[in-house]
Each structure stands twice: as C-alpha cells, then as structure tokens.
C-alpha atoms as a PDB file:
ATOM      1  CA  UNK A   1      49.092 -11.954 -41.671  1.00  0.00           C
ATOM      2  CA  UNK A   2      49.793 -12.600 -45.309  1.00  0.00           C
ATOM      3  CA  UNK A   3      53.243 -13.470 -46.590  1.00  0.00           C
ATOM      4  CA  UNK A   4      53.321 -10.265 -48.661  1.00  0.00           C
ATOM      5  CA  UNK A   5      52.813  -8.094 -45.564  1.00  0.00           C
ATOM      6  CA  UNK A   6      55.507  -9.982 -43.669  1.00  0.00           C
ATOM      7  CA  UNK A   7      57.959  -9.566 -46.585  1.00  0.00           C
ATOM      8  CA  UNK A   8      57.195  -5.836 -46.673  1.00  0.00           C
ATOM      9  CA  UNK A   9      57.854  -5.521 -42.965  1.00  0.00           C
ATOM     10  CA  UNK A  10      61.177  -7.362 -43.282  1.00  0.00           C
ATOM     11  CA  UNK A  11      62.209  -5.090 -46.161  1.00  0.00           C
ATOM     12  CA  UNK A  12      61.281  -1.979 -44.132  1.00  0.00           C
ATOM     13  CA  UNK A  13      63.211  -3.225 -41.093  1.00  0.00           C
ATOM     14  CA  UNK A  14      66.236  -3.971 -43.297  1.00  0.00           C
ATOM     15  CA  UNK A  15      65.969  -0.548 -44.875  1.00  0.00           C
ATOM     16  CA  UNK A  16      65.954   1.149 -41.460  1.00  0.00           C
ATOM     17  CA  UNK A  17      68.998  -0.877 -40.344  1.00  0.00           C
ATOM     18  CA  UNK A  18      70.844   0.036 -43.551  1.00  0.00           C
ATOM     19  CA  UNK A  19      69.928   3.739 -43.234  1.00  0.00           C
ATOM     20  CA  UNK A  20      71.080   3.830 -39.590  1.00  0.00           C
ATOM     21  CA  UNK A  21      74.361   2.126 -40.541  1.00  0.00           C
ATOM     22  CA  UNK A  22      74.974   4.515 -43.417  1.00  0.00           C
ATOM     23  CA  UNK A  23      74.140   7.606 -41.341  1.00  0.00           C
ATOM     24  CA  UNK A  24      76.966   6.521 -39.053  1.00  0.00           C
ATOM     25  CA  UNK A  25      79.329   6.017 -42.022  1.00  0.00           C
ATOM     26  CA  UNK A  26      79.690   2.347 -41.225  1.00  0.00           C
ATOM     27  CA  UNK A  27      80.179  -0.492 -43.716  1.00  0.00           C
ATOM     28  CA  UNK A  28      78.429  -3.838 -43.405  1.00  0.00           C
ATOM     29  CA  UNK A  29      81.799  -5.331 -42.428  1.00  0.00           C
ATOM     30  CA  UNK A  30      82.285  -2.790 -39.639  1.00  0.00           C
ATOM     31  CA  UNK A  31      78.783  -3.433 -38.284  1.00  0.00           C
ATOM     32  CA  UNK A  32      79.309  -7.177 -38.496  1.00  0.00           C
ATOM     33  CA  UNK A  33      82.501  -6.855 -36.397  1.00  0.00           C
ATOM     34  CA  UNK A  34      80.711  -4.765 -33.790  1.00  0.00           C
ATOM     35  CA  UNK A  35      77.820  -7.196 -33.401  1.00  0.00           C
ATOM     36  CA  UNK A  36      79.598 -10.495 -34.218  1.00  0.00           C
ATOM     37  CA  UNK A  37      77.313 -11.296 -37.129  1.00  0.00           C
ATOM     38  CA  UNK A  38      78.470 -12.489 -40.551  1.00  0.00           C
ATOM     39  CA  UNK A  39      78.565  -9.531 -42.993  1.00  0.00           C
ATOM     40  CA  UNK A  40      76.653 -11.494 -45.649  1.00  0.00           C
ATOM     41  CA  UNK A  41      73.891 -12.140 -43.092  1.00  0.00           C
ATOM     42  CA  UNK A  42      73.778  -8.379 -42.363  1.00  0.00           C
ATOM     43  CA  UNK A  43      73.297  -7.827 -46.099  1.00  0.00           C
ATOM     44  CA  UNK A  44      70.494 -10.366 -46.274  1.00  0.00           C
ATOM     45  CA  UNK A  45      68.761  -8.708 -43.330  1.00  0.00           C
ATOM     46  CA  UNK A  46      69.143  -5.237 -44.895  1.00  0.00           C
ATOM     47  CA  UNK A  47      67.612  -6.546 -48.148  1.00  0.00           C
ATOM     48  CA  UNK A  48      64.729  -8.118 -46.255  1.00  0.00           C
ATOM     49  CA  UNK A  49      65.731 -11.639 -47.324  1.00  0.00           C
ATOM     50  CA  UNK A  50      66.166 -12.991 -43.781  1.00  0.00           C
ATOM     51  CA  UNK A  51      64.081 -12.684 -40.660  1.00  0.00           C
ATOM     52  CA  UNK A  52      66.490 -11.975 -37.809  1.00  0.00           C
ATOM     53  CA  UNK A  53      65.968 -13.335 -34.304  1.00  0.00           C
ATOM     54  CA  UNK A  54      65.358 -11.017 -31.358  1.00  0.00           C
ATOM     55  CA  UNK A  55      68.893 -11.736 -30.163  1.00  0.00           C
ATOM     56  CA  UNK A  56      70.294 -10.695 -33.577  1.00  0.00           C
ATOM     57  CA  UNK A  57      68.265  -7.486 -33.577  1.00  0.00           C
ATOM     58  CA  UNK A  58      69.618  -6.618 -30.120  1.00  0.00           C
ATOM     59  CA  UNK A  59      73.173  -7.237 -31.353  1.00  0.00           C
ATOM     60  CA  UNK A  60      72.585  -5.026 -34.409  1.00  0.00           C
ATOM     61  CA  UNK A  61      71.061  -2.256 -32.298  1.00  0.00           C
ATOM     62  CA  UNK A  62      74.030  -2.458 -29.924  1.00  0.00           C
ATOM     63  CA  UNK A  63      76.421  -2.373 -32.877  1.00  0.00           C
ATOM     64  CA  UNK A  64      74.659   0.766 -34.085  1.00  0.00           C
ATOM     65  CA  UNK A  65      74.671   2.266 -30.606  1.00  0.00           C
ATOM     66  CA  UNK A  66      70.920   2.757 -30.750  1.00  0.00           C
ATOM     67  CA  UNK A  67      67.859   1.674 -28.872  1.00  0.00           C
ATOM     68  CA  UNK A  68      66.294  -1.368 -30.525  1.00  0.00           C
ATOM     69  CA  UNK A  69      62.866   0.262 -30.601  1.00  0.00           C
ATOM     70  CA  UNK A  70      64.260   2.738 -33.132  1.00  0.00           C
ATOM     71  CA  UNK A  71      64.749  -0.141 -35.583  1.00  0.00           C
ATOM     72  CA  UNK A  72      60.962  -0.423 -35.686  1.00  0.00           C
ATOM     73  CA  UNK A  73      60.174   3.297 -35.737  1.00  0.00           C
ATOM     74  CA  UNK A  74      59.856   4.526 -39.290  1.00  0.00           C
ATOM     75  CA  UNK A  75      60.333   8.270 -39.650  1.00  0.00           C
ATOM     76  CA  UNK A  76      57.537   9.486 -41.899  1.00  0.00           C
ATOM     77  CA  UNK A  77      58.179  13.211 -42.081  1.00  0.00           C
ATOM     78  CA  UNK A  78      61.265  15.296 -42.798  1.00  0.00           C
ATOM     79  CA  UNK A  79      61.160  16.447 -39.144  1.00  0.00           C
ATOM     80  CA  UNK A  80      61.092  12.875 -37.819  1.00  0.00           C
ATOM     81  CA  UNK A  81      63.977  11.939 -40.109  1.00  0.00           C
ATOM     82  CA  UNK A  82      65.970  14.985 -38.945  1.00  0.00           C
ATOM     83  CA  UNK A  83      65.288  14.038 -35.297  1.00  0.00           C
ATOM     84  CA  UNK A  84      66.437  10.464 -35.985  1.00  0.00           C
ATOM     85  CA  UNK A  85      69.681  11.815 -37.479  1.00  0.00           C
ATOM     86  CA  UNK A  86      70.218  13.933 -34.401  1.00  0.00           C
ATOM     87  CA  UNK A  87      69.549  10.941 -32.122  1.00  0.00           C
ATOM     88  CA  UNK A  88      72.050   8.860 -34.126  1.00  0.00           C
ATOM     89  CA  UNK A  89      74.627  11.633 -33.809  1.00  0.00           C
ATOM     90  CA  UNK A  90      74.439  11.887 -30.028  1.00  0.00           C
ATOM     91  CA  UNK A  91      73.526   8.294 -29.107  1.00  0.00           C
ATOM     92  CA  UNK A  92      77.100   7.223 -28.315  1.00  0.00           C
ATOM     93  CA  UNK A  93      78.163  10.456 -26.618  1.00  0.00           C
ATOM     94  CA  UNK A  94      78.581  11.077 -22.915  1.00  0.00           C
ATOM     95  CA  UNK A  95      75.966  13.113 -21.080  1.00  0.00           C
ATOM     96  CA  UNK A  96      78.441  16.012 -20.829  1.00  0.00           C
ATOM     97  CA  UNK A  97      79.041  15.951 -24.591  1.00  0.00           C
ATOM     98  CA  UNK A  98      75.308  15.904 -25.250  1.00  0.00           C
ATOM     99  CA  UNK A  99      74.861  18.992 -23.057  1.00  0.00           C
ATOM    100  CA  UNK A 100      77.617  20.762 -25.041  1.00  0.00           C
ATOM    101  CA  UNK A 101      75.987  19.789 -28.338  1.00  0.00           C
ATOM    102  CA  UNK A 102      72.640  21.135 -27.134  1.00  0.00           C
ATOM    103  CA  UNK A 103      74.253  24.450 -26.091  1.00  0.00           C
ATOM    104  CA  UNK A 104      75.992  24.791 -29.464  1.00  0.00           C
ATOM    105  CA  UNK A 105      72.716  24.123 -31.272  1.00  0.00           C
ATOM    106  CA  UNK A 106      70.898  26.744 -29.179  1.00  0.00           C
ATOM    107  CA  UNK A 107      73.593  29.336 -29.943  1.00  0.00           C
ATOM    108  CA  UNK A 108      73.479  28.598 -33.668  1.00  0.00           C
ATOM    109  CA  UNK A 109      69.701  28.899 -33.759  1.00  0.00           C
ATOM    110  CA  UNK A 110      69.543  32.043 -31.602  1.00  0.00           C
ATOM    111  CA  UNK A 111      72.227  33.769 -33.696  1.00  0.00           C
ATOM    112  CA  UNK A 112      70.586  32.692 -36.944  1.00  0.00           C
ATOM    113  CA  UNK A 113      73.786  31.056 -38.193  1.00  0.00           C
ATOM    114  CA  UNK A 114      73.220  28.971 -41.315  1.00  0.00           C
ATOM    115  CA  UNK A 115      75.170  25.751 -41.820  1.00  0.00           C
ATOM    116  CA  UNK A 116      75.076  23.868 -45.103  1.00  0.00           C
END
C-alpha cells in the first residue's frame, strides 16, 4: 500500500473520530479525560497526523461509548449518517431507555409529527 493511501485512511479515521466526538458535544479535552490520552495526541489523531495503536483506538471508542468497528465504518449516504447519529444517541443508554426511545419514535412517525 502506498504512503498516500495510508495517509488518506488515517485522515478518514481521524475525521470519523472527530465527527463522533462532536455529535456527542464533547471537546477533545473531555474525550482525553475519558480515555486517558493526551488531548494534543487526540488532535493529531483527528487530523490524521498520527497512527494510533489498537489499544489507543479501543480507549477512544470506549471514551465515545461506541463499538470500535464504527470508527472504521464510513457512512456514505444520508440514511447511513442518520442511522449513525441514532446509534450515537442511544449507545450509552440502558436497554429500558432504548425501548422507550423506540416507542417515542414510532409514535412520532405514526402520528406524522414533524420535529425540526
């Protein structure tokens, strides 16, 4: 694999980490506290400047309350991005809370209630 392809993959990984962090309203400092990683190193990873170890990726995924495989899944359509946002929203909820969220969503859709 060429160096250019590797750099592109690192940038894409960093972008997905940054997007997941921002969707949760978390700063780099907050994420760094949750996963015990220096905030400047988080920034370097997000910019694709550093190649994190597997252990670091696990720590970041745990800090984001998400499955590590999602760090490598790149949503390509609006629907996939919307699903990813939904997964991020419910990922740190209890099973009972997730059931309630699903019921609320069903009611909103069935009643045709628009939310902006």
